[in-house]
Amino acid sequence: MLIKISVLTFIISLGFFGQVLSQETVPQYQTKNFQEAQNQVKITISDQIAAFGSFDIERAYFHASSSIKAIFPDSKIFGEMVKRSYPMIWNPKSYEFISTSSGSAGILQRVMFRDQKDTMHFFDYVLENNGKRWVISGVYMVQGEKGV
């Protein structure tokens, strides 16, 4: 009887601690300013994706940082690169913002894209503030991430 009670207590405590660990906690660095920046980052990424969808490459290119523009000196070259190399970003079936974190380089936003064949792809967008607005300074495929 004592063993049954001990096992039951152990199982209940595991369930309780599992619930506590699975609850999302807001990191201490998420101040109001970070939340405002996070919203602007999502707006920037969303507008660039919408611009690709409407073939407004100038608008999509507007969201690129000066370092990206140095690599792709005009919007046409930039648009062709995205269309050819990142079809899931160029024409996604859907996308979803997963997580956001801040660092010395700016803000990192993970985005899950679902392509037209319903395959999931994960990308980390790195955005920097150029003094006027948030711009995209890099987009990196997350290797090893698999959709559910």
Protein backbone atom coordinates (compact mmCIF):
# COMPACT_ATOMS: atom_id res chain seq x y z
CA MET A 1 0.00 0.00 0.00
CA LEU A 2 2.82 2.40 0.90
CA ILE A 3 4.55 1.64 -2.41
CA LYS A 4 1.34 2.38 -4.37
CA ILE A 5 0.96 5.75 -2.61
CA SER A 6 4.63 6.62 -3.25
CA VAL A 7 4.35 5.72 -6.95
CA LEU A 8 1.09 7.67 -7.28
CA THR A 9 2.65 10.70 -5.56
CA PHE A 10 5.65 10.48 -7.89
CA ILE A 11 3.43 10.32 -10.99
CA ILE A 12 1.31 13.27 -9.83
CA SER A 13 4.41 15.34 -9.09
CA LEU A 14 5.80 14.57 -12.57
CA GLY A 15 2.56 15.77 -14.10
CA PHE A 16 2.63 18.96 -12.04
CA PHE A 17 6.26 19.76 -12.88
CA GLY A 18 5.65 18.93 -16.54
CA GLN A 19 2.84 21.49 -16.62
CA VAL A 20 5.02 24.11 -14.96
CA LEU A 21 7.89 23.47 -17.38
CA SER A 22 5.64 23.53 -20.43
CA GLN A 23 4.08 26.90 -19.60
CA GLU A 24 5.55 29.76 -21.55
CA THR A 25 7.41 32.29 -19.51
CA VAL A 26 8.20 35.76 -20.74
CA PRO A 27 11.96 36.39 -20.70
CA GLN A 28 13.06 39.31 -18.56
CA TYR A 29 14.45 41.17 -21.59
CA GLN A 30 10.97 41.47 -23.12
CA THR A 31 10.30 45.03 -22.17
CA LYS A 32 7.72 47.22 -23.85
CA ASN A 33 10.42 48.48 -26.25
CA PHE A 34 11.32 44.92 -27.24
CA GLN A 35 7.67 44.11 -27.81
CA GLU A 36 7.28 47.18 -30.01
CA ALA A 37 10.39 46.20 -31.98
CA GLN A 38 9.09 42.64 -32.26
CA ASN A 39 5.84 43.92 -33.77
CA GLN A 40 7.74 46.10 -36.26
CA VAL A 41 9.93 43.14 -37.23
CA LYS A 42 6.85 41.01 -37.96
CA ILE A 43 5.32 43.84 -40.01
CA THR A 44 8.55 44.19 -42.02
CA ILE A 45 8.79 40.47 -42.77
CA SER A 46 5.07 40.20 -43.58
CA ASP A 47 5.24 43.16 -45.95
CA GLN A 48 8.23 41.71 -47.77
CA ILE A 49 6.44 38.36 -48.21
CA ALA A 50 3.30 40.16 -49.44
CA ALA A 51 5.45 42.17 -51.86
CA PHE A 52 6.90 38.98 -53.33
CA GLY A 53 3.36 37.60 -53.68
CA SER A 54 2.23 40.65 -55.64
CA PHE A 55 5.47 40.76 -57.68
CA ASP A 56 6.30 44.17 -56.20
CA ILE A 57 10.03 43.55 -56.06
CA GLU A 58 10.87 47.21 -55.38
CA ARG A 59 8.79 47.04 -52.18
CA ALA A 60 10.40 43.73 -51.17
CA TYR A 61 13.86 45.21 -51.84
CA PHE A 62 13.00 48.25 -49.71
CA HIS A 63 13.10 45.96 -46.64
CA ALA A 64 16.64 44.74 -47.35
CA SER A 65 19.56 46.16 -45.36
CA SER A 66 22.41 48.05 -46.98
CA SER A 67 24.64 44.97 -46.62
CA ILE A 68 22.12 42.87 -48.61
CA LYS A 69 21.83 45.65 -51.18
CA ALA A 70 25.63 45.66 -51.54
CA ILE A 71 25.46 41.98 -52.53
CA PHE A 72 22.39 42.42 -54.76
CA PRO A 73 22.79 45.93 -56.21
CA ASP A 74 19.32 46.17 -57.74
CA SER A 75 15.85 44.87 -57.01
CA LYS A 76 15.66 42.70 -60.12
CA ILE A 77 18.78 40.71 -59.18
CA PHE A 78 17.50 40.42 -55.61
CA GLY A 79 14.04 39.24 -56.74
CA GLU A 80 15.48 36.63 -59.12
CA MET A 81 17.70 35.25 -56.36
CA VAL A 82 14.74 34.86 -53.97
CA LYS A 83 12.50 33.37 -56.65
CA ARG A 84 15.16 30.83 -57.70
CA SER A 85 16.70 29.96 -54.32
CA TYR A 86 13.78 30.37 -51.92
CA PRO A 87 10.53 29.41 -53.68
CA MET A 88 8.88 28.71 -50.32
CA ILE A 89 9.42 32.37 -49.36
CA TRP A 90 8.65 33.72 -52.84
CA ASN A 91 5.30 31.92 -53.00
CA PRO A 92 4.37 30.34 -49.66
CA LYS A 93 1.13 28.52 -49.06
CA SER A 94 1.33 29.97 -45.55
CA TYR A 95 3.80 31.20 -42.96
CA GLU A 96 3.85 31.58 -39.18
CA PHE A 97 6.05 33.47 -36.76
CA ILE A 98 7.56 31.01 -34.29
CA SER A 99 9.90 32.78 -31.88
CA THR A 100 11.75 36.05 -31.44
CA SER A 101 14.95 36.85 -29.62
CA SER A 102 17.26 39.83 -29.38
CA GLY A 103 21.02 39.94 -29.65
CA SER A 104 23.89 42.26 -30.37
CA ALA A 105 23.19 42.15 -34.12
CA GLY A 106 19.52 43.03 -33.73
CA ILE A 107 16.47 40.78 -33.62
CA LEU A 108 16.23 37.18 -34.77
CA GLN A 109 12.77 36.04 -35.87
CA ARG A 110 12.14 32.37 -36.66
CA VAL A 111 9.50 31.82 -39.32
CA MET A 112 7.90 28.56 -40.45
CA PHE A 113 6.90 28.48 -44.11
CA ARG A 114 4.63 25.94 -45.71
CA ASP A 115 5.36 25.62 -49.43
CA GLN A 116 2.82 24.83 -52.15
CA LYS A 117 3.41 21.07 -51.62
CA ASP A 118 2.62 21.49 -47.90
CA THR A 119 6.23 20.91 -46.80
CA MET A 120 7.42 22.94 -43.80
CA HIS A 121 10.60 25.00 -43.93
CA PHE A 122 12.09 27.00 -41.06
CA PHE A 123 14.09 30.21 -41.50
CA ASP A 124 15.77 32.62 -39.14
CA TYR A 125 15.39 36.24 -40.21
CA VAL A 126 17.95 38.65 -38.78
CA LEU A 127 16.82 42.26 -38.67
CA GLU A 128 18.72 45.37 -37.70
CA ASN A 129 17.55 48.86 -37.00
CA ASN A 130 19.15 51.24 -39.49
CA GLY A 131 18.26 54.28 -37.40
CA LYS A 132 14.95 54.80 -39.19
CA ARG A 133 13.32 51.38 -39.34
CA TRP A 134 13.89 47.63 -39.08
CA VAL A 135 15.50 46.08 -42.18
CA ILE A 136 16.28 42.47 -43.05
CA SER A 137 20.02 41.78 -42.94
CA GLY A 138 19.90 38.02 -43.42
CA VAL A 139 17.65 35.01 -43.90
CA TYR A 140 19.04 31.60 -42.96
CA MET A 141 17.49 28.18 -43.42
CA VAL A 142 17.37 26.31 -40.12
CA GLN A 143 18.92 22.91 -40.80
CA GLY A 144 17.43 19.89 -39.08
CA GLU A 145 14.04 21.45 -38.26
CA LYS A 146 11.16 19.25 -39.27
CA GLY A 147 7.48 20.01 -39.26
CA VAL A 148 4.97 17.98 -37.32
